Amino acid sequence: MSVQVEKLEKNMVKLTVEVPAENVEKAIQSAYLKTRKSINLPGFRKGKAPRQLIEKMYGKEVFYNDAIDELLPKAYGDAADECGEELVSRPKIDIVQMESGKPFIFHAEVAVKPGVELGTYKGVSVEKTPIEVADEAIEAELLKEREANARNITVDDRAVQKGDMISLDFDGSVDGVPFEGGKSENYDLTVGSGSFIPGFEDQLIGAEIGKDLDVNVTFPEEYHAKELAGKAAVFKCRVNSIRVKELPEIDDEFAQEVSEFETLDEYKADIRERLLKEKEEDARKIKEDAVIQKIIEDAKMEIPDAMVEFQTEQLMDDFAQRMQAQGLSLQQYFQFSGMTEEQYRAQMKPRALQNIQSRLVLEAVAKAENLEVTQEDVDAEIQRMANLYKMEVERVRELFGEYQLEEMKKDLAIQKAIDLVRDAAVEA
């Protein structure tokens, strides 16, 4: 196999890859063997027709697409390894020649990793982030903890009030016809939470336990179920039970129940210390981001569009996996959010560009400062991961192949570069 590299504008290259004719013949024969069972030819049992007769009837190119599918991935992978460039995007493939008895030739246009000319990266001036914890923040934490420790008390001597947690039966219909998702029994609802469409929960206020009532609402025009959008509906409802929250008093006894401290003052002091650490961590991250942005602005680099597109696709894939973990597909998310895939992709592009620029300048800093990752650094990171995932150190080490280990070392070098530029920055 031969590979020719042609430099293009804006850190793009065109690879011309030529695969020997004997490899092409093997791929065509392989394609024939895989697909012959699905080909019927008069006079032959299914799957027994000779290749030459199939090619004569359907044309020599009948197996070319399958042969290309077999040749292309390996040929491109080998070319990427041999070309001497660090490729950073998906290739744009153009088939030049595919013919039996001749070499397979294709072009691949792909982005290469841009060079970076660093400007100032030490002693960068950034705005100082104040680190303080207001009394209101401590009170908010106390209220949150009190809410978490509230007890639900059943009441049966009054009608529904706003804020009540009720068990509700409902059966909805439009023009007397039930619709999908419009019926439920013993549905837990906090009245006034806005969980249902506008107007529904307000009409439950004053409802009595065990008595039927009709709730009349109109679905919003932009409702996600198009067949219901703008339609008037009637829900036949019955409240089965009412529960209210009983909130504890915030005092020494409360502190003893929710913490390891004997007094409320000690508990407040602990909350202040925790919030202060969080503020310090937030300030550190804000400082890092500001320093890196200043370094990016003072550096010179030309980012190929294909590299940004590739990073955007990776961000989209990561988001899709997070949604899937929550039981949603991307299509469902876009339906519920009212956003299109194109709109979300457009939102991701600036972040993709920022990620690329940050990585490139930090790699350049690590190289300029000759920041080395030692075996002690690697061991410490593996220990950290073992602690995080509650696994044996040796088991974590076994999970790392050569590629994963190299990627870890790159990430550790990046972190060293971040520490260096952050600590060298001047806060004004």
Protein backbone atom coordinates (compact mmCIF):
# COMPACT_ATOMS: atom_id res chain seq x y z
CA MET A 1 0.00 0.00 0.00
CA SER A 2 1.23 3.51 -0.79
CA VAL A 3 0.25 6.81 0.81
CA GLN A 4 0.83 10.29 -0.60
CA VAL A 5 0.25 13.38 1.56
CA GLU A 6 -0.78 16.71 0.06
CA LYS A 7 -0.91 19.75 2.35
CA LEU A 8 -4.06 21.82 1.99
CA GLU A 9 -5.11 25.14 3.52
CA LYS A 10 -6.09 25.64 7.17
CA ASN A 11 -4.36 22.52 8.55
CA MET A 12 -6.06 20.07 6.21
CA VAL A 13 -4.34 17.32 4.24
CA LYS A 14 -5.38 15.09 1.37
CA LEU A 15 -4.19 11.50 1.56
CA THR A 16 -4.01 9.57 -1.70
CA VAL A 17 -4.09 5.90 -0.77
CA GLU A 18 -3.39 3.07 -3.21
CA VAL A 19 -4.19 -0.51 -2.25
CA PRO A 20 -2.57 -3.27 -4.38
CA ALA A 21 -4.68 -5.08 -6.99
CA GLU A 22 -4.22 -8.44 -5.24
CA ASN A 23 -5.88 -7.04 -2.10
CA VAL A 24 -8.74 -5.78 -4.25
CA GLU A 25 -9.19 -9.25 -5.75
CA LYS A 26 -9.29 -10.83 -2.28
CA ALA A 27 -11.90 -8.31 -1.13
CA ILE A 28 -14.08 -8.92 -4.20
CA GLN A 29 -13.86 -12.67 -3.70
CA SER A 30 -14.73 -12.24 -0.02
CA ALA A 31 -17.73 -10.10 -0.98
CA TYR A 32 -18.86 -12.79 -3.42
CA LEU A 33 -18.61 -15.53 -0.79
CA LYS A 34 -20.61 -13.46 1.70
CA THR A 35 -23.43 -12.47 -0.66
CA ARG A 36 -23.80 -15.41 -3.04
CA LYS A 37 -26.38 -17.10 -0.80
CA SER A 38 -28.81 -14.29 -1.49
CA ILE A 39 -28.36 -14.39 -5.27
CA ASN A 40 -30.58 -16.54 -7.51
CA LEU A 41 -29.37 -17.49 -10.98
CA PRO A 42 -31.38 -19.72 -13.34
CA GLY A 43 -29.98 -23.24 -13.50
CA PHE A 44 -28.14 -23.07 -10.17
CA ARG A 45 -29.20 -23.82 -6.64
CA LYS A 46 -29.41 -20.76 -4.41
CA GLY A 47 -25.91 -19.80 -3.31
CA LYS A 48 -24.14 -22.02 -5.84
CA ALA A 49 -23.91 -19.67 -8.83
CA PRO A 50 -20.29 -19.04 -9.98
CA ARG A 51 -18.91 -15.55 -9.47
CA GLN A 52 -18.10 -15.09 -13.15
CA LEU A 53 -21.70 -15.77 -14.21
CA ILE A 54 -23.09 -13.44 -11.53
CA GLU A 55 -20.72 -10.69 -12.72
CA LYS A 56 -21.71 -11.34 -16.33
CA MET A 57 -25.41 -11.01 -15.51
CA TYR A 58 -25.27 -8.11 -13.05
CA GLY A 59 -22.01 -6.42 -14.08
CA LYS A 60 -18.49 -6.69 -12.69
CA GLU A 61 -19.20 -3.92 -10.19
CA VAL A 62 -21.87 -6.03 -8.43
CA PHE A 63 -19.47 -6.84 -5.55
CA TYR A 64 -17.57 -3.54 -5.53
CA ASN A 65 -19.50 -1.77 -2.77
CA ASP A 66 -19.11 -4.69 -0.37
CA ALA A 67 -15.43 -4.98 -1.30
CA ILE A 68 -14.92 -1.27 -0.61
CA ASP A 69 -16.60 -1.69 2.78
CA GLU A 70 -14.02 -4.38 3.56
CA LEU A 71 -10.98 -2.55 2.15
CA LEU A 72 -11.57 1.01 3.25
CA PRO A 73 -11.45 0.88 7.10
CA LYS A 74 -8.13 -0.98 7.26
CA ALA A 75 -6.61 0.94 4.36
CA TYR A 76 -7.49 4.29 5.93
CA GLY A 77 -6.31 3.15 9.37
CA ASP A 78 -2.97 2.02 7.94
CA ALA A 79 -2.66 5.26 5.96
CA ALA A 80 -3.35 7.32 9.08
CA ASP A 81 -0.53 5.47 10.87
CA GLU A 82 1.90 5.81 7.97
CA CYS A 83 1.27 9.40 6.86
CA GLY A 84 3.32 10.98 9.64
CA GLU A 85 0.54 13.41 10.61
CA GLU A 86 -1.63 13.58 13.72
CA LEU A 87 -5.15 13.36 12.28
CA VAL A 88 -7.91 15.02 14.32
CA SER A 89 -11.16 14.69 12.38
CA ARG A 90 -13.25 12.20 10.47
CA PRO A 91 -12.04 11.85 6.87
CA LYS A 92 -13.97 12.94 3.81
CA ILE A 93 -13.55 9.98 1.44
CA ASP A 94 -13.58 10.18 -2.36
CA ILE A 95 -13.23 6.91 -4.29
CA VAL A 96 -10.93 7.44 -7.28
CA GLN A 97 -10.61 3.92 -8.64
CA MET A 98 -12.29 0.61 -7.87
CA GLU A 99 -11.95 -2.01 -10.55
CA SER A 100 -11.09 -5.68 -10.67
CA GLY A 101 -7.46 -6.25 -11.63
CA LYS A 102 -6.42 -2.69 -10.70
CA PRO A 103 -5.32 -1.00 -7.46
CA PHE A 104 -8.01 0.51 -5.23
CA ILE A 105 -7.36 4.25 -4.99
CA PHE A 106 -9.10 6.80 -2.81
CA HIS A 107 -8.60 10.29 -1.46
CA ALA A 108 -9.15 11.18 2.21
CA GLU A 109 -9.35 14.83 3.23
CA VAL A 110 -8.81 15.16 6.97
CA ALA A 111 -7.74 17.76 9.54
CA VAL A 112 -4.32 17.62 11.16
CA LYS A 113 -3.47 18.86 14.63
CA PRO A 114 -2.69 22.58 14.41
CA GLY A 115 0.53 24.07 15.67
CA VAL A 116 0.38 26.65 18.45
CA GLU A 117 2.47 29.79 18.84
CA LEU A 118 2.21 30.72 22.49
CA GLY A 119 2.15 34.30 23.70
CA THR A 120 2.29 35.16 27.39
CA TYR A 121 1.30 32.26 29.60
CA LYS A 122 3.08 33.05 32.86
CA GLY A 123 2.04 35.93 35.07
CA VAL A 124 -1.30 36.42 33.33
CA SER A 125 -3.46 39.00 35.11
CA VAL A 126 -7.01 37.96 36.04
CA GLU A 127 -9.75 39.35 38.25
CA LYS A 128 -9.80 37.98 41.79
CA THR A 129 -12.94 36.12 42.82
CA PRO A 130 -14.08 37.02 46.35
CA ILE A 131 -14.41 34.05 48.69
CA GLU A 132 -17.01 34.63 51.36
CA VAL A 133 -20.00 32.85 52.83
CA ALA A 134 -23.01 35.01 53.68
CA ASP A 135 -25.26 34.21 56.61
CA GLU A 136 -28.12 33.83 54.12
CA ALA A 137 -26.29 30.91 52.49
CA ILE A 138 -26.03 29.11 55.81
CA GLU A 139 -29.73 29.72 56.49
CA ALA A 140 -30.57 28.33 53.06
CA GLU A 141 -28.63 25.14 53.85
CA LEU A 142 -30.46 24.80 57.16
CA LEU A 143 -33.84 25.20 55.43
CA LYS A 144 -32.84 22.62 52.82
CA GLU A 145 -31.88 20.16 55.56
CA ARG A 146 -35.10 20.87 57.44
CA GLU A 147 -37.07 20.19 54.26
CA ALA A 148 -35.22 16.89 53.81
CA ASN A 149 -36.14 15.87 57.35
CA ALA A 150 -39.79 16.87 57.14
CA ARG A 151 -42.43 14.28 58.05
CA ASN A 152 -45.52 13.67 55.98
CA ILE A 153 -48.68 13.78 58.09
CA THR A 154 -52.03 12.54 56.81
CA VAL A 155 -54.98 14.90 57.36
CA ASP A 156 -58.63 13.96 56.81
CA ASP A 157 -60.60 16.80 58.39
CA ARG A 158 -60.37 19.44 55.70
CA ALA A 159 -60.36 20.12 51.94
CA VAL A 160 -57.30 20.40 49.69
CA GLN A 161 -55.07 23.45 50.11
CA LYS A 162 -52.20 24.72 48.03
CA GLY A 163 -48.99 22.90 48.92
CA ASP A 164 -50.79 19.71 49.98
CA MET A 165 -49.51 16.36 48.74
CA ILE A 166 -52.46 14.39 47.48
CA SER A 167 -53.19 10.95 46.06
CA LEU A 168 -55.33 11.55 42.98
CA ASP A 169 -57.39 9.49 40.54
CA PHE A 170 -58.06 11.19 37.20
CA ASP A 171 -59.55 10.22 33.85
CA GLY A 172 -59.28 12.75 31.02
CA SER A 173 -61.20 13.05 27.78
CA VAL A 174 -61.54 15.40 24.82
CA ASP A 175 -65.07 15.69 23.40
CA GLY A 176 -65.97 12.66 25.51
CA VAL A 177 -63.18 10.52 24.03
CA PRO A 178 -60.42 9.29 26.39
CA PHE A 179 -56.84 9.92 25.23
CA GLU A 180 -53.57 8.11 25.84
CA GLY A 181 -51.85 9.07 29.10
CA GLY A 182 -54.96 10.82 30.41
CA LYS A 183 -55.81 8.30 33.12
CA SER A 184 -54.13 7.34 36.37
CA GLU A 185 -54.95 6.07 39.85
CA ASN A 186 -53.34 7.08 43.15
CA TYR A 187 -51.14 9.63 41.38
CA ASP A 188 -48.96 11.55 43.87
CA LEU A 189 -49.25 15.28 43.23
CA THR A 190 -48.15 18.34 45.17
CA VAL A 191 -50.85 20.92 44.54
CA GLY A 192 -49.32 24.11 43.20
CA SER A 193 -46.13 22.45 41.93
CA GLY A 194 -46.99 23.17 38.30
CA SER A 195 -46.62 19.51 37.36
CA PHE A 196 -49.87 19.53 35.38
CA ILE A 197 -51.02 21.85 32.61
CA PRO A 198 -52.03 25.39 33.65
CA GLY A 199 -55.32 25.62 35.54
CA PHE A 200 -55.51 21.94 36.54
CA GLU A 201 -54.04 22.15 40.04
CA ASP A 202 -55.83 25.40 40.91
CA GLN A 203 -59.19 23.66 40.47
CA LEU A 204 -58.23 20.97 42.97
CA ILE A 205 -58.00 23.53 45.79
CA GLY A 206 -61.11 23.04 47.93
CA ALA A 207 -61.69 19.46 46.76
CA GLU A 208 -62.86 17.08 49.47
CA ILE A 209 -61.52 13.58 50.06
CA GLY A 210 -63.56 10.89 48.32
CA LYS A 211 -65.77 13.28 46.35
CA ASP A 212 -65.79 13.42 42.55
CA LEU A 213 -65.16 16.67 40.69
CA ASP A 214 -64.62 17.72 37.08
CA VAL A 215 -61.53 19.73 36.16
CA ASN A 216 -61.87 21.66 32.90
CA VAL A 217 -58.67 22.73 31.16
CA THR A 218 -57.35 23.64 27.73
CA PHE A 219 -54.07 22.17 26.53
CA PRO A 220 -51.46 24.80 25.52
CA GLU A 221 -51.09 25.49 21.81
CA GLU A 222 -47.44 24.37 21.99
CA TYR A 223 -48.22 21.14 23.86
CA HIS A 224 -45.79 18.34 22.90
CA ALA A 225 -48.62 15.92 21.97
CA LYS A 226 -49.80 17.64 18.79
CA GLU A 227 -53.15 15.83 18.75
CA LEU A 228 -54.02 17.52 22.09
CA ALA A 229 -52.53 20.96 21.49
CA GLY A 230 -55.12 23.71 21.96
CA LYS A 231 -57.91 21.21 22.78
CA ALA A 232 -60.39 21.59 25.68
CA ALA A 233 -60.40 18.59 28.03
CA VAL A 234 -62.36 17.36 31.05
CA PHE A 235 -60.69 15.36 33.81
CA LYS A 236 -62.91 13.44 36.19
CA CYS A 237 -60.98 13.53 39.47
CA ARG A 238 -61.16 12.12 42.97
CA VAL A 239 -58.82 12.97 45.87
CA ASN A 240 -58.04 9.81 47.85
CA SER A 241 -55.88 11.29 50.61
CA ILE A 242 -54.18 14.49 51.75
CA ARG A 243 -50.76 14.73 53.32
CA VAL A 244 -48.90 17.77 54.64
CA LYS A 245 -45.30 18.33 55.62
CA GLU A 246 -44.46 18.75 59.27
CA LEU A 247 -41.20 20.69 59.49
CA PRO A 248 -38.94 20.34 62.53
CA GLU A 249 -37.78 23.33 64.56
CA ILE A 250 -34.23 24.47 63.77
CA ASP A 251 -32.59 24.22 67.20
CA ASP A 252 -29.98 22.22 69.10
CA GLU A 253 -32.15 19.10 68.98
CA PHE A 254 -32.41 19.44 65.20
CA ALA A 255 -28.61 19.78 64.93
CA GLN A 256 -28.15 16.61 67.00
CA GLU A 257 -30.53 14.67 64.74
CA VAL A 258 -29.02 15.68 61.40
CA SER A 259 -25.32 16.02 62.29
CA GLU A 260 -22.59 14.92 64.64
CA PHE A 261 -22.76 18.18 66.61
CA GLU A 262 -24.43 18.90 69.94
CA THR A 263 -25.42 22.51 69.30
CA LEU A 264 -26.89 24.50 66.44
CA ASP A 265 -23.97 26.94 66.54
CA GLU A 266 -21.47 24.11 66.03
CA TYR A 267 -23.56 22.77 63.16
CA LYS A 268 -23.69 26.24 61.56
CA ALA A 269 -19.92 26.58 61.89
CA ASP A 270 -19.48 23.25 60.09
CA ILE A 271 -21.83 24.36 57.30
CA ARG A 272 -19.86 27.61 56.95
CA GLU A 273 -16.59 25.67 56.67
CA ARG A 274 -18.04 23.33 54.03
CA LEU A 275 -19.48 26.18 51.98
CA LEU A 276 -16.17 28.03 52.25
CA LYS A 277 -14.32 25.05 50.79
CA GLU A 278 -16.86 24.90 47.96
CA LYS A 279 -16.38 28.62 47.32
CA GLU A 280 -12.61 28.16 47.27
CA GLU A 281 -12.93 25.33 44.75
CA ASP A 282 -15.28 27.43 42.61
CA ALA A 283 -12.86 30.36 42.75
CA ARG A 284 -9.98 28.11 41.73
CA LYS A 285 -11.93 26.86 38.72
CA ILE A 286 -12.98 30.40 37.75
CA LYS A 287 -9.35 31.50 37.96
CA GLU A 288 -8.19 28.57 35.84
CA ASP A 289 -10.79 29.27 33.16
CA ALA A 290 -9.92 32.97 33.08
CA VAL A 291 -6.17 32.27 32.82
CA ILE A 292 -6.62 29.72 30.04
CA GLN A 293 -8.86 32.12 28.13
CA LYS A 294 -6.20 34.84 28.37
CA ILE A 295 -3.56 32.40 27.10
CA ILE A 296 -5.82 31.41 24.19
CA GLU A 297 -6.36 35.06 23.27
CA ASP A 298 -2.60 35.69 23.26
CA ALA A 299 -1.75 32.56 21.25
CA LYS A 300 -1.81 31.97 17.50
CA MET A 301 -3.39 28.84 16.03
CA GLU A 302 -5.56 27.98 13.06
CA ILE A 303 -8.30 25.51 13.92
CA PRO A 304 -9.68 23.51 10.95
CA ASP A 305 -13.47 23.47 10.64
CA ALA A 306 -13.43 19.67 10.37
CA MET A 307 -11.76 19.46 13.79
CA VAL A 308 -14.51 21.58 15.33
CA GLU A 309 -17.17 19.43 13.64
CA PHE A 310 -15.55 16.28 15.01
CA GLN A 311 -15.41 17.68 18.55
CA THR A 312 -19.04 18.81 18.24
CA GLU A 313 -20.05 15.27 17.27
CA GLN A 314 -18.25 13.93 20.33
CA LEU A 315 -20.09 16.37 22.57
CA MET A 316 -23.38 15.34 20.96
CA ASP A 317 -22.55 11.65 21.55
CA ASP A 318 -21.68 12.35 25.20
CA PHE A 319 -24.96 14.21 25.68
CA ALA A 320 -26.91 11.39 24.03
CA GLN A 321 -25.34 8.88 26.43
CA ARG A 322 -26.26 11.04 29.44
CA MET A 323 -29.85 11.29 28.20
CA GLN A 324 -29.97 7.54 27.59
CA ALA A 325 -28.84 6.97 31.19
CA GLN A 326 -31.90 8.98 32.24
CA GLY A 327 -34.17 6.92 30.01
CA LEU A 328 -34.52 9.48 27.20
CA SER A 329 -33.48 9.38 23.57
CA LEU A 330 -32.15 12.49 21.87
CA GLN A 331 -35.34 12.69 19.84
CA GLN A 332 -37.43 12.67 23.03
CA TYR A 333 -35.25 15.36 24.60
CA PHE A 334 -35.62 17.59 21.55
CA GLN A 335 -39.38 16.99 21.58
CA PHE A 336 -39.74 17.92 25.25
CA SER A 337 -37.34 20.88 25.12
CA GLY A 338 -38.77 22.31 21.90
CA MET A 339 -35.26 22.51 20.47
CA THR A 340 -34.13 21.01 17.18
CA GLU A 341 -31.00 18.94 16.74
CA GLU A 342 -29.57 21.65 14.50
CA GLN A 343 -30.15 24.30 17.19
CA TYR A 344 -28.48 22.17 19.85
CA ARG A 345 -25.56 21.40 17.56
CA ALA A 346 -25.11 25.14 16.90
CA GLN A 347 -25.01 25.70 20.67
CA MET A 348 -22.34 23.03 21.06
CA LYS A 349 -19.95 24.44 18.45
CA PRO A 350 -18.54 27.32 20.59
CA ARG A 351 -17.95 24.87 23.43
CA ALA A 352 -16.25 22.47 21.02
CA LEU A 353 -13.96 25.23 19.79
CA GLN A 354 -13.16 26.27 23.37
CA ASN A 355 -12.29 22.69 24.30
CA ILE A 356 -9.94 22.39 21.34
CA GLN A 357 -8.22 25.71 21.97
CA SER A 358 -7.79 24.97 25.68
CA ARG A 359 -6.28 21.56 25.02
CA LEU A 360 -3.90 22.86 22.37
CA VAL A 361 -2.49 25.76 24.41
CA LEU A 362 -2.08 23.60 27.52
CA GLU A 363 -0.27 20.93 25.51
CA ALA A 364 1.97 23.69 24.16
CA VAL A 365 2.66 24.96 27.70
CA ALA A 366 3.51 21.44 28.87
CA LYS A 367 5.93 21.07 25.96
CA ALA A 368 7.48 24.52 26.45
CA GLU A 369 8.01 23.85 30.17
CA ASN A 370 9.12 20.25 29.58
CA LEU A 371 6.55 19.02 32.08
CA GLU A 372 7.13 15.32 32.57
CA VAL A 373 4.74 12.76 33.99
CA THR A 374 6.56 10.39 36.34
CA GLN A 375 5.65 6.86 37.34
CA GLU A 376 4.79 8.31 40.77
CA ASP A 377 2.24 10.58 39.08
CA VAL A 378 0.68 7.61 37.30
CA ASP A 379 0.61 5.53 40.48
CA ALA A 380 -1.04 8.38 42.39
CA GLU A 381 -3.72 8.77 39.71
CA ILE A 382 -4.45 5.04 39.70
CA GLN A 383 -4.73 5.14 43.50
CA ARG A 384 -7.13 8.10 43.23
CA MET A 385 -9.31 6.20 40.77
CA ALA A 386 -9.23 3.09 42.97
CA ASN A 387 -10.45 5.16 45.91
CA LEU A 388 -13.11 6.84 43.79
CA TYR A 389 -14.56 3.59 42.45
CA LYS A 390 -13.82 1.58 45.61
CA MET A 391 -11.70 -0.96 43.73
CA GLU A 392 -8.38 -2.67 44.37
CA VAL A 393 -5.42 -0.72 42.95
CA GLU A 394 -4.13 -3.70 40.99
CA ARG A 395 -7.56 -4.30 39.48
CA VAL A 396 -7.68 -0.68 38.26
CA ARG A 397 -4.16 -1.03 36.86
CA GLU A 398 -5.21 -4.14 34.93
CA LEU A 399 -7.97 -2.17 33.20
CA PHE A 400 -5.48 0.17 31.55
CA GLY A 401 -4.10 -0.91 28.20
CA GLU A 402 -1.21 0.84 26.50
CA TYR A 403 -3.47 3.36 24.74
CA GLN A 404 -5.43 4.23 27.92
CA LEU A 405 -2.18 4.63 29.85
CA GLU A 406 -0.81 7.07 27.26
CA GLU A 407 -4.04 9.06 27.35
CA MET A 408 -3.82 9.22 31.14
CA LYS A 409 -0.25 10.56 30.90
CA LYS A 410 -1.40 13.24 28.46
CA ASP A 411 -4.19 14.28 30.81
CA LEU A 412 -1.78 14.41 33.77
CA ALA A 413 0.59 16.61 31.76
CA ILE A 414 -2.34 18.89 30.93
CA GLN A 415 -3.20 19.14 34.64
CA LYS A 416 0.40 20.06 35.43
CA ALA A 417 0.20 22.81 32.82
CA ILE A 418 -3.06 24.08 34.37
CA ASP A 419 -1.46 24.15 37.82
CA LEU A 420 1.57 26.00 36.48
CA VAL A 421 -0.31 28.79 34.67
CA ARG A 422 -2.88 29.17 37.47
CA ASP A 423 -0.28 29.46 40.22
CA ALA A 424 1.78 31.89 38.14
CA ALA A 425 -1.23 34.16 37.43
CA VAL A 426 -1.66 37.53 39.12
CA GLU A 427 -5.04 38.29 40.69
CA ALA A 428 -6.02 41.96 40.56
